[in-house]
Amino acid sequence: MDQDTLRILLREAVRETVAEVLQTVLELDRTAFLQVHGGRRNGYYPRKLETTFGQVDLKVPRDRESRYYPAFLKPYARRLVDVGEV
């Protein structure tokens, strides 16, 4: 296996890990929001987000009253400036 192939595989692994971490943060953020403000969960909507490691597909959670929006995602923004801030 040459270095280029190894870099591609490593970058893909990091991108997948970033996607999993962001998805977990979204779930925990909605859970915390609902504990404080009350309400009920109501599924997800898809969103693509460009990170330092490539594009990730997220399932953004919703609440039934549409009051919840993820704290670290800006409305309509498609790029995450620094994953480390999350």
Protein backbone atom coordinates (compact mmCIF):
# COMPACT_ATOMS: atom_id res chain seq x y z
CA MET A 1 0.00 0.00 0.00
CA ASP A 2 1.50 3.34 -1.03
CA GLN A 3 1.33 6.61 0.92
CA ASP A 4 -1.40 8.15 -1.24
CA THR A 5 -3.72 5.22 -0.66
CA LEU A 6 -2.99 5.30 3.05
CA ARG A 7 -3.76 9.05 3.19
CA ILE A 8 -7.06 8.53 1.38
CA LEU A 9 -8.07 5.74 3.75
CA LEU A 10 -7.04 7.75 6.80
CA ARG A 11 -8.90 10.85 5.60
CA GLU A 12 -12.05 8.77 5.00
CA ALA A 13 -11.79 7.22 8.47
CA VAL A 14 -11.43 10.66 10.07
CA ARG A 15 -14.36 12.02 8.04
CA GLU A 16 -16.57 9.14 9.20
CA THR A 17 -15.49 9.69 12.80
CA VAL A 18 -16.28 13.40 12.55
CA ALA A 19 -19.74 12.56 11.17
CA GLU A 20 -20.40 10.14 14.05
CA VAL A 21 -19.26 12.65 16.66
CA LEU A 22 -21.36 15.45 15.16
CA GLN A 23 -24.40 13.16 15.02
CA THR A 24 -23.93 12.24 18.69
CA VAL A 25 -23.57 15.92 19.65
CA LEU A 26 -26.80 16.71 17.79
CA GLU A 27 -28.67 13.98 19.67
CA LEU A 28 -27.33 15.08 23.05
CA ASP A 29 -28.07 18.75 22.29
CA ARG A 30 -31.70 17.99 21.43
CA THR A 31 -32.09 15.81 24.53
CA ALA A 32 -30.74 18.60 26.76
CA PHE A 33 -33.00 21.15 25.04
CA LEU A 34 -36.10 19.01 25.56
CA GLN A 35 -35.25 18.40 29.22
CA VAL A 36 -35.08 22.14 29.85
CA HIS A 37 -37.88 23.39 27.59
CA GLY A 38 -40.15 20.38 27.45
CA GLY A 39 -41.63 19.06 24.26
CA ARG A 40 -41.36 15.91 22.20
CA ARG A 41 -38.99 14.52 19.62
CA ASN A 42 -40.17 14.56 16.02
CA GLY A 43 -37.75 12.82 13.70
CA TYR A 44 -34.93 14.24 11.60
CA TYR A 45 -34.17 16.16 8.44
CA PRO A 46 -31.11 15.62 6.24
CA ARG A 47 -28.32 18.17 5.97
CA LYS A 48 -24.96 18.14 4.23
CA LEU A 49 -22.14 19.91 6.01
CA GLU A 50 -18.68 20.67 4.67
CA THR A 51 -15.94 20.11 7.24
CA THR A 52 -12.17 20.29 7.14
CA PHE A 53 -12.15 16.55 6.40
CA GLY A 54 -14.79 16.55 3.67
CA GLN A 55 -18.55 16.59 3.32
CA VAL A 56 -20.64 14.75 5.90
CA ASP A 57 -24.30 13.82 5.75
CA LEU A 58 -26.14 14.50 9.00
CA LYS A 59 -29.61 13.74 10.28
CA VAL A 60 -30.54 16.88 12.20
CA PRO A 61 -33.06 16.10 14.97
CA ARG A 62 -36.29 18.08 15.33
CA ASP A 63 -38.85 18.63 18.02
CA ARG A 64 -42.58 18.67 17.53
CA GLU A 65 -43.03 22.38 18.22
CA SER A 66 -40.09 23.40 15.95
CA ARG A 67 -38.39 25.32 18.76
CA TYR A 68 -35.15 23.35 18.74
CA TYR A 69 -32.23 24.24 16.50
CA PRO A 70 -28.70 22.92 17.05
CA ALA A 71 -26.55 25.35 19.00
CA PHE A 72 -23.41 24.86 16.90
CA LEU A 73 -25.02 24.94 13.43
CA LYS A 74 -25.86 28.33 12.01
CA PRO A 75 -29.05 28.48 9.91
CA TYR A 76 -28.35 27.97 6.20
CA ALA A 77 -24.59 27.60 6.79
CA ARG A 78 -23.12 24.67 4.89
CA ARG A 79 -19.55 24.89 6.19
CA LEU A 80 -18.34 24.15 9.66
CA VAL A 81 -15.41 26.51 10.20
CA ASP A 82 -13.63 24.53 12.90
CA VAL A 83 -14.71 21.09 14.04
CA GLY A 84 -12.57 21.56 17.16
CA GLU A 85 -14.98 24.22 18.48
CA VAL A 86 -17.77 21.66 18.70
